[in-house]
All heavy atoms as atom14 arrays in JSON, in Angstrom:
{
  "sequence": "FLLQSNVSQPRFNPRSAGALAQLRRQAYPGVELVARDAPLSPEA",
  "atom14_mask": [
    [1, 1, 1, 1, 1, 1, 1, 1, 1, 1, 1, 0, 0, 0],
    [1, 1, 1, 1, 1, 1, 1, 1, 0, 0, 0, 0, 0, 0],
    [1, 1, 1, 1, 1, 1, 1, 1, 0, 0, 0, 0, 0, 0],
    [1, 1, 1, 1, 1, 1, 1, 1, 1, 0, 0, 0, 0, 0],
    [1, 1, 1, 1, 1, 1, 0, 0, 0, 0, 0, 0, 0, 0],
    [1, 1, 1, 1, 1, 1, 1, 1, 0, 0, 0, 0, 0, 0],
    [1, 1, 1, 1, 1, 1, 1, 0, 0, 0, 0, 0, 0, 0],
    [1, 1, 1, 1, 1, 1, 0, 0, 0, 0, 0, 0, 0, 0],
    [1, 1, 1, 1, 1, 1, 1, 1, 1, 0, 0, 0, 0, 0],
    [1, 1, 1, 1, 1, 1, 1, 0, 0, 0, 0, 0, 0, 0],
    [1, 1, 1, 1, 1, 1, 1, 1, 1, 1, 1, 0, 0, 0],
    [1, 1, 1, 1, 1, 1, 1, 1, 1, 1, 1, 0, 0, 0],
    [1, 1, 1, 1, 1, 1, 1, 1, 0, 0, 0, 0, 0, 0],
    [1, 1, 1, 1, 1, 1, 1, 0, 0, 0, 0, 0, 0, 0],
    [1, 1, 1, 1, 1, 1, 1, 1, 1, 1, 1, 0, 0, 0],
    [1, 1, 1, 1, 1, 1, 0, 0, 0, 0, 0, 0, 0, 0],
    [1, 1, 1, 1, 1, 0, 0, 0, 0, 0, 0, 0, 0, 0],
    [1, 1, 1, 1, 0, 0, 0, 0, 0, 0, 0, 0, 0, 0],
    [1, 1, 1, 1, 1, 0, 0, 0, 0, 0, 0, 0, 0, 0],
    [1, 1, 1, 1, 1, 1, 1, 1, 0, 0, 0, 0, 0, 0],
    [1, 1, 1, 1, 1, 0, 0, 0, 0, 0, 0, 0, 0, 0],
    [1, 1, 1, 1, 1, 1, 1, 1, 1, 0, 0, 0, 0, 0],
    [1, 1, 1, 1, 1, 1, 1, 1, 0, 0, 0, 0, 0, 0],
    [1, 1, 1, 1, 1, 1, 1, 1, 1, 1, 1, 0, 0, 0],
    [1, 1, 1, 1, 1, 1, 1, 1, 1, 1, 1, 0, 0, 0],
    [1, 1, 1, 1, 1, 1, 1, 1, 1, 0, 0, 0, 0, 0],
    [1, 1, 1, 1, 1, 0, 0, 0, 0, 0, 0, 0, 0, 0],
    [1, 1, 1, 1, 1, 1, 1, 1, 1, 1, 1, 1, 0, 0],
    [1, 1, 1, 1, 1, 1, 1, 0, 0, 0, 0, 0, 0, 0],
    [1, 1, 1, 1, 0, 0, 0, 0, 0, 0, 0, 0, 0, 0],
    [1, 1, 1, 1, 1, 1, 1, 0, 0, 0, 0, 0, 0, 0],
    [1, 1, 1, 1, 1, 1, 1, 1, 1, 0, 0, 0, 0, 0],
    [1, 1, 1, 1, 1, 1, 1, 1, 0, 0, 0, 0, 0, 0],
    [1, 1, 1, 1, 1, 1, 1, 0, 0, 0, 0, 0, 0, 0],
    [1, 1, 1, 1, 1, 0, 0, 0, 0, 0, 0, 0, 0, 0],
    [1, 1, 1, 1, 1, 1, 1, 1, 1, 1, 1, 0, 0, 0],
    [1, 1, 1, 1, 1, 1, 1, 1, 0, 0, 0, 0, 0, 0],
    [1, 1, 1, 1, 1, 0, 0, 0, 0, 0, 0, 0, 0, 0],
    [1, 1, 1, 1, 1, 1, 1, 0, 0, 0, 0, 0, 0, 0],
    [1, 1, 1, 1, 1, 1, 1, 1, 0, 0, 0, 0, 0, 0],
    [1, 1, 1, 1, 1, 1, 0, 0, 0, 0, 0, 0, 0, 0],
    [1, 1, 1, 1, 1, 1, 1, 0, 0, 0, 0, 0, 0, 0],
    [1, 1, 1, 1, 1, 1, 1, 1, 1, 0, 0, 0, 0, 0],
    [1, 1, 1, 1, 1, 0, 0, 0, 0, 0, 0, 0, 0, 0]
  ],
  "atom14_positions": [
    [[-15.49, 1.38, 1.59], [-15.29, 0.5, 0.44], [-16.13, -0.77, 0.6], [-16.12, -1.39, 1.68], [-13.82, 0.13, 0.29], [-12.98, 1.21, -0.31], [-12.39, 2.18, 0.49], [-12.78, 1.27, -1.68], [-11.61, 3.19, -0.05], [-12.0, 2.27, -2.24], [-11.41, 3.23, -1.43], [0.0, 0.0, 0.0], [0.0, 0.0, 0.0], [0.0, 0.0, 0.0]],
    [[-16.83, -1.14, -0.46], [-17.62, -2.37, -0.5], [-17.13, -3.16, -1.7], [-17.43, -2.82, -2.86], [-19.1, -2.01, -0.64], [-20.14, -3.1, -0.42], [-20.01, -3.71, 0.97], [-21.55, -2.54, -0.63], [0.0, 0.0, 0.0], [0.0, 0.0, 0.0], [0.0, 0.0, 0.0], [0.0, 0.0, 0.0], [0.0, 0.0, 0.0], [0.0, 0.0, 0.0]],
    [[-16.34, -4.21, -1.46], [-15.59, -4.87, -2.52], [-16.01, -6.33, -2.67], [-15.87, -7.13, -1.73], [-14.09, -4.82, -2.22], [-13.51, -3.45, -1.82], [-12.04, -3.59, -1.48], [-13.73, -2.44, -2.93], [0.0, 0.0, 0.0], [0.0, 0.0, 0.0], [0.0, 0.0, 0.0], [0.0, 0.0, 0.0], [0.0, 0.0, 0.0], [0.0, 0.0, 0.0]],
    [[-16.53, -6.68, -3.86], [-16.74, -8.1, -4.15], [-15.37, -8.74, -4.34], [-14.57, -8.27, -5.15], [-17.6, -8.27, -5.4], [-17.92, -9.73, -5.69], [-18.87, -9.91, -6.87], [-19.54, -8.97, -7.29], [-18.92, -11.12, -7.41], [0.0, 0.0, 0.0], [0.0, 0.0, 0.0], [0.0, 0.0, 0.0], [0.0, 0.0, 0.0], [0.0, 0.0, 0.0]],
    [[-15.09, -9.81, -3.62], [-13.7, -10.27, -3.53], [-13.52, -11.75, -3.77], [-12.52, -12.33, -3.34], [-13.13, -9.9, -2.15], [-13.97, -10.38, -1.12], [0.0, 0.0, 0.0], [0.0, 0.0, 0.0], [0.0, 0.0, 0.0], [0.0, 0.0, 0.0], [0.0, 0.0, 0.0], [0.0, 0.0, 0.0], [0.0, 0.0, 0.0], [0.0, 0.0, 0.0]],
    [[-14.46, -12.42, -4.42], [-14.27, -13.85, -4.7], [-13.32, -14.03, -5.89], [-13.53, -13.45, -6.96], [-15.6, -14.54, -4.97], [-16.4, -13.89, -6.09], [-16.79, -12.73, -5.99], [-16.65, -14.64, -7.15], [0.0, 0.0, 0.0], [0.0, 0.0, 0.0], [0.0, 0.0, 0.0], [0.0, 0.0, 0.0], [0.0, 0.0, 0.0], [0.0, 0.0, 0.0]],
    [[-12.27, -14.81, -5.7], [-11.31, -15.13, -6.76], [-11.62, -16.57, -7.18], [-11.2, -17.53, -6.53], [-9.86, -15.0, -6.27], [-8.89, -15.21, -7.43], [-9.63, -13.65, -5.63], [0.0, 0.0, 0.0], [0.0, 0.0, 0.0], [0.0, 0.0, 0.0], [0.0, 0.0, 0.0], [0.0, 0.0, 0.0], [0.0, 0.0, 0.0], [0.0, 0.0, 0.0]],
    [[-12.33, -16.73, -8.28], [-12.8, -18.07, -8.64], [-11.67, -18.95, -9.19], [-11.72, -20.17, -9.04], [-13.93, -17.97, -9.67], [-13.46, -17.37, -10.87], [0.0, 0.0, 0.0], [0.0, 0.0, 0.0], [0.0, 0.0, 0.0], [0.0, 0.0, 0.0], [0.0, 0.0, 0.0], [0.0, 0.0, 0.0], [0.0, 0.0, 0.0], [0.0, 0.0, 0.0]],
    [[-10.67, -18.35, -9.79], [-9.57, -19.12, -10.38], [-8.24, -18.48, -9.97], [-7.6, -17.79, -10.76], [-9.7, -19.18, -11.9], [-10.95, -19.93, -12.37], [-11.05, -19.95, -13.88], [-10.95, -18.92, -14.54], [-11.24, -21.13, -14.44], [0.0, 0.0, 0.0], [0.0, 0.0, 0.0], [0.0, 0.0, 0.0], [0.0, 0.0, 0.0], [0.0, 0.0, 0.0]],
    [[-7.79, -18.74, -8.74], [-6.57, -18.07, -8.25], [-5.34, -18.34, -9.1], [-4.49, -17.45, -9.24], [-6.41, -18.67, -6.85], [-7.79, -19.12, -6.45], [-8.43, -19.56, -7.72], [0.0, 0.0, 0.0], [0.0, 0.0, 0.0], [0.0, 0.0, 0.0], [0.0, 0.0, 0.0], [0.0, 0.0, 0.0], [0.0, 0.0, 0.0], [0.0, 0.0, 0.0]],
    [[-5.23, -19.51, -9.72], [-4.03, -19.79, -10.49], [-3.95, -18.94, -11.75], [-2.86, -18.72, -12.29], [-3.93, -21.28, -10.84], [-4.97, -21.8, -11.81], [-4.92, -23.32, -11.86], [-5.85, -23.89, -12.81], [-5.51, -24.31, -14.02], [-4.24, -24.22, -14.4], [-6.39, -24.82, -14.84], [0.0, 0.0, 0.0], [0.0, 0.0, 0.0], [0.0, 0.0, 0.0]],
    [[-5.11, -18.47, -12.23], [-5.11, -17.56, -13.38], [-5.14, -16.09, -12.96], [-5.0, -15.21, -13.79], [-6.31, -17.85, -14.29], [-6.28, -19.21, -14.91], [-7.29, -20.13, -14.66], [-5.23, -19.6, -15.72], [-7.26, -21.39, -15.22], [-5.2, -20.87, -16.3], [-6.21, -21.76, -16.04], [0.0, 0.0, 0.0], [0.0, 0.0, 0.0], [0.0, 0.0, 0.0]],
    [[-5.33, -15.85, -11.66], [-5.38, -14.49, -11.14], [-4.52, -14.39, -9.88], [-5.02, -14.04, -8.79], [-6.83, -14.1, -10.83], [-7.71, -14.07, -12.06], [-7.71, -13.1, -12.82], [-8.47, -15.13, -12.26], [0.0, 0.0, 0.0], [0.0, 0.0, 0.0], [0.0, 0.0, 0.0], [0.0, 0.0, 0.0], [0.0, 0.0, 0.0], [0.0, 0.0, 0.0]],
    [[-3.23, -14.68, -10.0], [-2.38, -14.72, -8.81], [-2.24, -13.37, -8.12], [-2.17, -13.3, -6.89], [-1.03, -15.21, -9.36], [-1.05, -14.84, -10.82], [-2.48, -15.0, -11.24], [0.0, 0.0, 0.0], [0.0, 0.0, 0.0], [0.0, 0.0, 0.0], [0.0, 0.0, 0.0], [0.0, 0.0, 0.0], [0.0, 0.0, 0.0], [0.0, 0.0, 0.0]],
    [[-2.2, -12.29, -8.89], [-2.07, -10.97, -8.28], [-3.33, -10.6, -7.5], [-3.25, -9.95, -6.45], [-1.76, -9.93, -9.35], [-0.39, -10.14, -10.02], [-0.19, -9.24, -11.23], [-0.39, -7.85, -10.9], [-1.21, -7.03, -11.56], [-1.92, -7.47, -12.59], [-1.33, -5.77, -11.21], [0.0, 0.0, 0.0], [0.0, 0.0, 0.0], [0.0, 0.0, 0.0]],
    [[-4.49, -11.02, -7.99], [-5.73, -10.75, -7.26], [-5.78, -11.55, -5.97], [-6.23, -11.05, -4.92], [-6.94, -11.09, -8.14], [-7.02, -10.22, -9.24], [0.0, 0.0, 0.0], [0.0, 0.0, 0.0], [0.0, 0.0, 0.0], [0.0, 0.0, 0.0], [0.0, 0.0, 0.0], [0.0, 0.0, 0.0], [0.0, 0.0, 0.0], [0.0, 0.0, 0.0]],
    [[-5.33, -12.81, -6.02], [-5.29, -13.62, -4.8], [-4.36, -12.98, -3.77], [-4.67, -12.94, -2.57], [-4.83, -15.04, -5.14], [0.0, 0.0, 0.0], [0.0, 0.0, 0.0], [0.0, 0.0, 0.0], [0.0, 0.0, 0.0], [0.0, 0.0, 0.0], [0.0, 0.0, 0.0], [0.0, 0.0, 0.0], [0.0, 0.0, 0.0], [0.0, 0.0, 0.0]],
    [[-3.22, -12.45, -4.22], [-2.3, -11.76, -3.31], [-2.91, -10.49, -2.74], [-2.74, -10.19, -1.55], [0.0, 0.0, 0.0], [0.0, 0.0, 0.0], [0.0, 0.0, 0.0], [0.0, 0.0, 0.0], [0.0, 0.0, 0.0], [0.0, 0.0, 0.0], [0.0, 0.0, 0.0], [0.0, 0.0, 0.0], [0.0, 0.0, 0.0], [0.0, 0.0, 0.0]],
    [[-3.63, -9.74, -3.58], [-4.27, -8.5, -3.12], [-5.36, -8.8, -2.1], [-5.51, -8.08, -1.1], [-4.85, -7.74, -4.31], [0.0, 0.0, 0.0], [0.0, 0.0, 0.0], [0.0, 0.0, 0.0], [0.0, 0.0, 0.0], [0.0, 0.0, 0.0], [0.0, 0.0, 0.0], [0.0, 0.0, 0.0], [0.0, 0.0, 0.0], [0.0, 0.0, 0.0]],
    [[-6.11, -9.87, -2.32], [-7.15, -10.25, -1.37], [-6.54, -10.63, -0.02], [-7.04, -10.23, 1.04], [-7.97, -11.4, -1.93], [-9.06, -11.95, -1.02], [-10.04, -10.86, -0.61], [-9.8, -13.11, -1.7], [0.0, 0.0, 0.0], [0.0, 0.0, 0.0], [0.0, 0.0, 0.0], [0.0, 0.0, 0.0], [0.0, 0.0, 0.0], [0.0, 0.0, 0.0]],
    [[-5.44, -11.4, -0.04], [-4.77, -11.76, 1.21], [-4.29, -10.51, 1.94], [-4.38, -10.41, 3.18], [-3.6, -12.7, 0.92], [0.0, 0.0, 0.0], [0.0, 0.0, 0.0], [0.0, 0.0, 0.0], [0.0, 0.0, 0.0], [0.0, 0.0, 0.0], [0.0, 0.0, 0.0], [0.0, 0.0, 0.0], [0.0, 0.0, 0.0], [0.0, 0.0, 0.0]],
    [[-3.79, -9.53, 1.19], [-3.33, -8.28, 1.8], [-4.49, -7.52, 2.44], [-4.37, -7.01, 3.57], [-2.65, -7.41, 0.75], [-2.09, -6.1, 1.28], [-1.4, -5.29, 0.19], [-1.16, -5.78, -0.92], [-1.09, -4.03, 0.5], [0.0, 0.0, 0.0], [0.0, 0.0, 0.0], [0.0, 0.0, 0.0], [0.0, 0.0, 0.0], [0.0, 0.0, 0.0]],
    [[-5.62, -7.45, 1.76], [-6.78, -6.75, 2.3], [-7.3, -7.44, 3.56], [-7.75, -6.78, 4.51], [-7.89, -6.68, 1.25], [-7.62, -5.76, 0.04], [-8.68, -5.95, -1.03], [-7.57, -4.3, 0.48], [0.0, 0.0, 0.0], [0.0, 0.0, 0.0], [0.0, 0.0, 0.0], [0.0, 0.0, 0.0], [0.0, 0.0, 0.0], [0.0, 0.0, 0.0]],
    [[-7.25, -8.76, 3.56], [-7.7, -9.48, 4.76], [-6.78, -9.22, 5.94], [-7.24, -9.1, 7.09], [-7.78, -10.97, 4.45], [-8.97, -11.36, 3.58], [-8.94, -12.84, 3.22], [-10.21, -13.26, 2.63], [-10.42, -14.46, 2.09], [-9.43, -15.36, 2.07], [-11.59, -14.76, 1.59], [0.0, 0.0, 0.0], [0.0, 0.0, 0.0], [0.0, 0.0, 0.0]],
    [[-5.48, -9.13, 5.68], [-4.54, -8.86, 6.77], [-4.73, -7.45, 7.32], [-4.66, -7.23, 8.53], [-3.09, -9.03, 6.28], [-2.66, -10.46, 6.05], [-1.15, -10.55, 5.89], [-0.64, -9.69, 4.82], [-0.49, -10.07, 3.56], [-0.82, -11.31, 3.2], [-0.01, -9.24, 2.66], [0.0, 0.0, 0.0], [0.0, 0.0, 0.0], [0.0, 0.0, 0.0]],
    [[-4.96, -6.5, 6.44], [-5.09, -5.11, 6.89], [-6.37, -4.89, 7.7], [-6.35, -4.2, 8.71], [-5.06, -4.18, 5.68], [-3.69, -4.11, 5.0], [-3.74, -3.39, 3.66], [-4.79, -3.33, 3.03], [-2.6, -2.88, 3.22], [0.0, 0.0, 0.0], [0.0, 0.0, 0.0], [0.0, 0.0, 0.0], [0.0, 0.0, 0.0], [0.0, 0.0, 0.0]],
    [[-7.47, -5.47, 7.23], [-8.75, -5.4, 7.95], [-9.07, -3.98, 8.43], [-9.39, -3.75, 9.6], [-8.73, -6.37, 9.15], [0.0, 0.0, 0.0], [0.0, 0.0, 0.0], [0.0, 0.0, 0.0], [0.0, 0.0, 0.0], [0.0, 0.0, 0.0], [0.0, 0.0, 0.0], [0.0, 0.0, 0.0], [0.0, 0.0, 0.0], [0.0, 0.0, 0.0]],
    [[-8.96, -3.03, 7.53], [-9.23, -1.64, 7.89], [-10.71, -1.43, 8.17], [-11.57, -2.0, 7.47], [-8.8, -0.7, 6.77], [-7.31, -0.58, 6.57], [-6.76, -0.72, 5.31], [-6.46, -0.31, 7.64], [-5.39, -0.59, 5.11], [-5.1, -0.18, 7.45], [-4.57, -0.33, 6.19], [-3.22, -0.2, 6.02], [0.0, 0.0, 0.0], [0.0, 0.0, 0.0]],
    [[-11.05, -0.6, 9.13], [-12.47, -0.21, 9.27], [-12.87, 0.61, 8.05], [-12.09, 1.38, 7.5], [-12.46, 0.66, 10.54], [-11.05, 1.15, 10.67], [-10.18, 0.06, 10.13], [0.0, 0.0, 0.0], [0.0, 0.0, 0.0], [0.0, 0.0, 0.0], [0.0, 0.0, 0.0], [0.0, 0.0, 0.0], [0.0, 0.0, 0.0], [0.0, 0.0, 0.0]],
    [[-14.1, 0.39, 7.63], [-14.56, 1.1, 6.44], [-14.26, 0.37, 5.15], [-14.53, 0.89, 4.07], [0.0, 0.0, 0.0], [0.0, 0.0, 0.0], [0.0, 0.0, 0.0], [0.0, 0.0, 0.0], [0.0, 0.0, 0.0], [0.0, 0.0, 0.0], [0.0, 0.0, 0.0], [0.0, 0.0, 0.0], [0.0, 0.0, 0.0], [0.0, 0.0, 0.0]],
    [[-13.69, -0.85, 5.25], [-13.43, -1.68, 4.06], [-14.1, -3.02, 4.28], [-13.7, -3.81, 5.14], [-11.92, -1.87, 3.83], [-11.69, -2.77, 2.61], [-11.24, -0.51, 3.64], [0.0, 0.0, 0.0], [0.0, 0.0, 0.0], [0.0, 0.0, 0.0], [0.0, 0.0, 0.0], [0.0, 0.0, 0.0], [0.0, 0.0, 0.0], [0.0, 0.0, 0.0]],
    [[-15.16, -3.27, 3.53], [-15.93, -4.52, 3.67], [-15.71, -5.4, 2.45], [-15.91, -4.97, 1.31], [-17.42, -4.21, 3.83], [-18.27, -5.45, 4.02], [-19.75, -5.14, 4.19], [-20.1, -3.94, 4.3], [-20.56, -6.09, 4.19], [0.0, 0.0, 0.0], [0.0, 0.0, 0.0], [0.0, 0.0, 0.0], [0.0, 0.0, 0.0], [0.0, 0.0, 0.0]],
    [[-15.3, -6.65, 2.69], [-15.1, -7.63, 1.62], [-16.35, -8.5, 1.53], [-16.74, -9.15, 2.5], [-13.87, -8.49, 1.91], [-12.55, -7.72, 2.1], [-11.41, -8.69, 2.4], [-12.22, -6.9, 0.85], [0.0, 0.0, 0.0], [0.0, 0.0, 0.0], [0.0, 0.0, 0.0], [0.0, 0.0, 0.0], [0.0, 0.0, 0.0], [0.0, 0.0, 0.0]],
    [[-16.95, -8.52, 0.37], [-18.19, -9.24, 0.14], [-17.9, -10.46, -0.73], [-17.07, -10.4, -1.64], [-19.23, -8.34, -0.55], [-20.53, -9.08, -0.77], [-19.46, -7.08, 0.27], [0.0, 0.0, 0.0], [0.0, 0.0, 0.0], [0.0, 0.0, 0.0], [0.0, 0.0, 0.0], [0.0, 0.0, 0.0], [0.0, 0.0, 0.0], [0.0, 0.0, 0.0]],
    [[-18.59, -11.56, -0.45], [-18.48, -12.78, -1.27], [-17.04, -13.25, -1.36], [-16.51, -13.45, -2.45], [-19.07, -12.56, -2.66], [0.0, 0.0, 0.0], [0.0, 0.0, 0.0], [0.0, 0.0, 0.0], [0.0, 0.0, 0.0], [0.0, 0.0, 0.0], [0.0, 0.0, 0.0], [0.0, 0.0, 0.0], [0.0, 0.0, 0.0], [0.0, 0.0, 0.0]],
    [[-16.4, -13.45, -0.22], [-14.99, -13.84, -0.23], [-14.75, -15.2, -0.86], [-13.73, -15.42, -1.5], [-14.45, -13.86, 1.2], [-14.46, -12.52, 1.91], [-13.74, -12.64, 3.23], [-13.82, -11.41, 4.02], [-13.11, -11.2, 5.12], [-12.3, -12.14, 5.55], [-13.23, -10.08, 5.79], [0.0, 0.0, 0.0], [0.0, 0.0, 0.0], [0.0, 0.0, 0.0]],
    [[-15.69, -16.13, -0.65], [-15.43, -17.52, -1.03], [-16.33, -18.05, -2.13], [-16.13, -19.17, -2.6], [-15.58, -18.41, 0.22], [-14.65, -17.98, 1.34], [-13.46, -17.76, 1.05], [-15.13, -17.85, 2.48], [0.0, 0.0, 0.0], [0.0, 0.0, 0.0], [0.0, 0.0, 0.0], [0.0, 0.0, 0.0], [0.0, 0.0, 0.0], [0.0, 0.0, 0.0]],
    [[-17.33, -17.3, -2.55], [-18.26, -17.79, -3.57], [-18.88, -16.61, -4.3], [-18.97, -15.51, -3.74], [-19.35, -18.66, -2.92], [0.0, 0.0, 0.0], [0.0, 0.0, 0.0], [0.0, 0.0, 0.0], [0.0, 0.0, 0.0], [0.0, 0.0, 0.0], [0.0, 0.0, 0.0], [0.0, 0.0, 0.0], [0.0, 0.0, 0.0], [0.0, 0.0, 0.0]],
    [[-19.31, -16.81, -5.54], [-19.96, -15.72, -6.27], [-21.26, -15.31, -5.6], [-21.86, -16.05, -4.81], [-20.22, -16.34, -7.65], [-19.32, -17.51, -7.74], [-19.15, -18.03, -6.35], [0.0, 0.0, 0.0], [0.0, 0.0, 0.0], [0.0, 0.0, 0.0], [0.0, 0.0, 0.0], [0.0, 0.0, 0.0], [0.0, 0.0, 0.0], [0.0, 0.0, 0.0]],
    [[-21.72, -14.11, -5.92], [-22.99, -13.61, -5.41], [-24.15, -14.12, -6.26], [-24.01, -14.34, -7.46], [-22.99, -12.08, -5.42], [-22.0, -11.37, -4.49], [-21.99, -9.88, -4.8], [-22.35, -11.62, -3.04], [0.0, 0.0, 0.0], [0.0, 0.0, 0.0], [0.0, 0.0, 0.0], [0.0, 0.0, 0.0], [0.0, 0.0, 0.0], [0.0, 0.0, 0.0]],
    [[-25.3, -14.27, -5.65], [-26.52, -14.54, -6.4], [-26.88, -13.28, -7.19], [-26.42, -12.18, -6.86], [-27.65, -14.89, -5.45], [-28.01, -13.76, -4.67], [0.0, 0.0, 0.0], [0.0, 0.0, 0.0], [0.0, 0.0, 0.0], [0.0, 0.0, 0.0], [0.0, 0.0, 0.0], [0.0, 0.0, 0.0], [0.0, 0.0, 0.0], [0.0, 0.0, 0.0]],
    [[-27.7, -13.41, -8.23], [-28.09, -12.2, -8.97], [-28.73, -11.14, -8.08], [-28.47, -9.95, -8.24], [-29.09, -12.74, -10.01], [-28.67, -14.17, -10.22], [-28.2, -14.64, -8.88], [0.0, 0.0, 0.0], [0.0, 0.0, 0.0], [0.0, 0.0, 0.0], [0.0, 0.0, 0.0], [0.0, 0.0, 0.0], [0.0, 0.0, 0.0], [0.0, 0.0, 0.0]],
    [[-29.55, -11.58, -7.12], [-30.21, -10.61, -6.25], [-29.19, -9.9, -5.36], [-29.24, -8.68, -5.18], [-31.25, -11.33, -5.39], [-32.44, -11.87, -6.16], [-32.12, -13.13, -6.96], [-31.09, -13.78, -6.66], [-32.88, -13.44, -7.89], [0.0, 0.0, 0.0], [0.0, 0.0, 0.0], [0.0, 0.0, 0.0], [0.0, 0.0, 0.0], [0.0, 0.0, 0.0]],
    [[-28.24, -10.67, -4.79], [-27.22, -10.06, -3.92], [-26.29, -9.16, -4.73], [-25.87, -8.09, -4.24], [-26.42, -11.16, -3.22], [0.0, 0.0, 0.0], [0.0, 0.0, 0.0], [0.0, 0.0, 0.0], [0.0, 0.0, 0.0], [0.0, 0.0, 0.0], [0.0, 0.0, 0.0], [0.0, 0.0, 0.0], [0.0, 0.0, 0.0], [0.0, 0.0, 0.0]]
  ]
}
């Protein structure tokens, strides 16, 4: 899994913020979180 995971507005997306915290805790091999803290550039 390759998942873009930046939550730009957590207060409007509380369930997504919770899901991201869960994915970070699980830290499964084969699951990569991309752009956790900021949006991606167009090229990225």
